[in-house]
C-alpha atoms as a PDB file:
ATOM      1  CA  UNK A   1       0.000   0.000   0.000  1.00  0.00           C
ATOM      2  CA  UNK A   2       1.351   3.416  -0.976  1.00  0.00           C
ATOM      3  CA  UNK A   3       0.985   6.338   1.407  1.00  0.00           C
ATOM      4  CA  UNK A   4       0.776   9.713  -0.294  1.00  0.00           C
ATOM      5  CA  UNK A   5       1.170  12.710   2.044  1.00  0.00           C
ATOM      6  CA  UNK A   6      -0.301  15.118  -0.529  1.00  0.00           C
ATOM      7  CA  UNK A   7      -3.858  13.764  -0.313  1.00  0.00           C
ATOM      8  CA  UNK A   8      -6.421  16.064   1.291  1.00  0.00           C
ATOM      9  CA  UNK A   9      -9.996  15.352   2.253  1.00  0.00           C
ATOM     10  CA  UNK A  10     -12.465  18.191   2.728  1.00  0.00           C
ATOM     11  CA  UNK A  11     -15.588  17.438   4.716  1.00  0.00           C
ATOM     12  CA  UNK A  12     -18.736  19.512   4.861  1.00  0.00           C
ATOM     13  CA  UNK A  13     -21.225  18.858   7.641  1.00  0.00           C
ATOM     14  CA  UNK A  14     -24.806  19.981   7.092  1.00  0.00           C
ATOM     15  CA  UNK A  15     -27.015  20.154  10.168  1.00  0.00           C
ATOM     16  CA  UNK A  16     -30.432  21.564  10.824  1.00  0.00           C
ATOM     17  CA  UNK A  17     -30.938  24.100  13.567  1.00  0.00           C
ATOM     18  CA  UNK A  18     -33.321  21.617  15.176  1.00  0.00           C
ATOM     19  CA  UNK A  19     -30.384  19.230  15.686  1.00  0.00           C
ATOM     20  CA  UNK A  20     -29.084  21.586  18.356  1.00  0.00           C
ATOM     21  CA  UNK A  21     -30.665  22.105  21.712  1.00  0.00           C
ATOM     22  CA  UNK A  22     -29.672  25.183  23.683  1.00  0.00           C
ATOM     23  CA  UNK A  23     -27.017  23.117  25.487  1.00  0.00           C
ATOM     24  CA  UNK A  24     -25.658  21.298  22.429  1.00  0.00           C
ATOM     25  CA  UNK A  25     -25.078  24.580  20.634  1.00  0.00           C
ATOM     26  CA  UNK A  26     -22.582  25.527  23.311  1.00  0.00           C
ATOM     27  CA  UNK A  27     -21.120  22.079  23.999  1.00  0.00           C
ATOM     28  CA  UNK A  28     -21.095  20.906  20.395  1.00  0.00           C
ATOM     29  CA  UNK A  29     -22.997  18.125  18.669  1.00  0.00           C
ATOM     30  CA  UNK A  30     -20.840  14.960  18.499  1.00  0.00           C
ATOM     31  CA  UNK A  31     -20.848  13.200  15.131  1.00  0.00           C
ATOM     32  CA  UNK A  32     -18.919  10.146  13.973  1.00  0.00           C
ATOM     33  CA  UNK A  33     -17.159  10.125  10.617  1.00  0.00           C
ATOM     34  CA  UNK A  34     -16.097   6.927   8.892  1.00  0.00           C
ATOM     35  CA  UNK A  35     -14.001   6.882   5.730  1.00  0.00           C
ATOM     36  CA  UNK A  36     -13.510   3.667   3.786  1.00  0.00           C
ATOM     37  CA  UNK A  37     -10.747   3.259   1.214  1.00  0.00           C
ATOM     38  CA  UNK A  38     -11.257   0.860  -1.664  1.00  0.00           C
ATOM     39  CA  UNK A  39      -8.741  -0.480  -4.152  1.00  0.00           C
ATOM     40  CA  UNK A  40      -9.476   0.699  -7.682  1.00  0.00           C
ATOM     41  CA  UNK A  41      -7.568  -2.208  -9.254  1.00  0.00           C
ATOM     42  CA  UNK A  42      -9.115  -4.888  -7.075  1.00  0.00           C
ATOM     43  CA  UNK A  43     -12.712  -3.684  -7.615  1.00  0.00           C
ATOM     44  CA  UNK A  44     -13.799  -5.428  -4.461  1.00  0.00           C
ATOM     45  CA  UNK A  45     -16.682  -4.406  -2.253  1.00  0.00           C
ATOM     46  CA  UNK A  46     -14.476  -4.768   0.815  1.00  0.00           C
ATOM     47  CA  UNK A  47     -12.493  -1.721   1.950  1.00  0.00           C
ATOM     48  CA  UNK A  48      -8.726  -2.041   2.228  1.00  0.00           C
ATOM     49  CA  UNK A  49      -8.624   0.557   5.012  1.00  0.00           C
ATOM     50  CA  UNK A  50     -11.173   2.089   7.355  1.00  0.00           C
ATOM     51  CA  UNK A  51     -10.635   5.189   9.470  1.00  0.00           C
ATOM     52  CA  UNK A  52     -13.041   6.836  11.855  1.00  0.00           C
ATOM     53  CA  UNK A  53     -13.093   9.655  14.338  1.00  0.00           C
ATOM     54  CA  UNK A  54     -15.503  11.787  16.289  1.00  0.00           C
ATOM     55  CA  UNK A  55     -15.989  15.454  15.486  1.00  0.00           C
ATOM     56  CA  UNK A  56     -18.032  18.137  17.209  1.00  0.00           C
ATOM     57  CA  UNK A  57     -20.128  20.624  15.296  1.00  0.00           C
ATOM     58  CA  UNK A  58     -20.901  23.887  17.044  1.00  0.00           C
ATOM     59  CA  UNK A  59     -23.949  26.062  16.528  1.00  0.00           C
ATOM     60  CA  UNK A  60     -23.282  29.548  15.198  1.00  0.00           C
ATOM     61  CA  UNK A  61     -25.086  32.674  16.377  1.00  0.00           C
ATOM     62  CA  UNK A  62     -27.524  32.686  13.455  1.00  0.00           C
ATOM     63  CA  UNK A  63     -28.704  29.179  14.271  1.00  0.00           C
ATOM     64  CA  UNK A  64     -29.099  30.076  17.950  1.00  0.00           C
ATOM     65  CA  UNK A  65     -31.242  33.055  16.948  1.00  0.00           C
ATOM     66  CA  UNK A  66     -33.341  30.810  14.695  1.00  0.00           C
ATOM     67  CA  UNK A  67     -33.907  28.376  17.567  1.00  0.00           C
ATOM     68  CA  UNK A  68     -35.062  31.227  19.823  1.00  0.00           C
ATOM     69  CA  UNK A  69     -37.427  32.499  17.124  1.00  0.00           C
ATOM     70  CA  UNK A  70     -38.853  29.003  16.604  1.00  0.00           C
ATOM     71  CA  UNK A  71     -39.402  28.639  20.362  1.00  0.00           C
ATOM     72  CA  UNK A  72     -41.217  31.991  20.455  1.00  0.00           C
ATOM     73  CA  UNK A  73     -43.474  30.933  17.584  1.00  0.00           C
ATOM     74  CA  UNK A  74     -44.231  27.640  19.355  1.00  0.00           C
ATOM     75  CA  UNK A  75     -45.142  29.414  22.595  1.00  0.00           C
ATOM     76  CA  UNK A  76     -47.402  31.866  20.711  1.00  0.00           C
ATOM     77  CA  UNK A  77     -49.180  28.958  19.011  1.00  0.00           C
ATOM     78  CA  UNK A  78     -49.679  27.238  22.364  1.00  0.00           C
ATOM     79  CA  UNK A  79     -51.060  30.493  23.798  1.00  0.00           C
ATOM     80  CA  UNK A  80     -53.618  30.756  21.005  1.00  0.00           C
ATOM     81  CA  UNK A  81     -54.748  27.162  21.494  1.00  0.00           C
ATOM     82  CA  UNK A  82     -55.313  27.575  25.250  1.00  0.00           C
ATOM     83  CA  UNK A  83     -57.552  30.642  24.872  1.00  0.00           C
ATOM     84  CA  UNK A  84     -61.249  29.735  24.763  1.00  0.00           C
ATOM     85  CA  UNK A  85     -62.752  30.279  21.368  1.00  0.00           C
ATOM     86  CA  UNK A  86     -65.855  32.484  21.187  1.00  0.00           C
ATOM     87  CA  UNK A  87     -69.002  30.479  20.637  1.00  0.00           C
ATOM     88  CA  UNK A  88     -71.642  31.644  18.225  1.00  0.00           C
ATOM     89  CA  UNK A  89     -75.207  31.413  19.492  1.00  0.00           C
ATOM     90  CA  UNK A  90     -77.708  30.696  16.779  1.00  0.00           C
END
């Protein structure tokens, strides 16, 4: 097996703001990454090398603001549902 030090892997992690609670945004959301390496010449379904690690994704300020806004909307909806609706007398 040849080891080439010039190889780079760029990883993009896409998360929804709902993946973060208020605590996870500060502490980070742990995710596991697994990378399998296959031999091009062998054309086998079995990887010749497997690497894995854990990363943490942190919530940025915009996502925290979105979470707060979503919570406000939820509380307003709950407030509307708890108010008695006016009944129409016929």
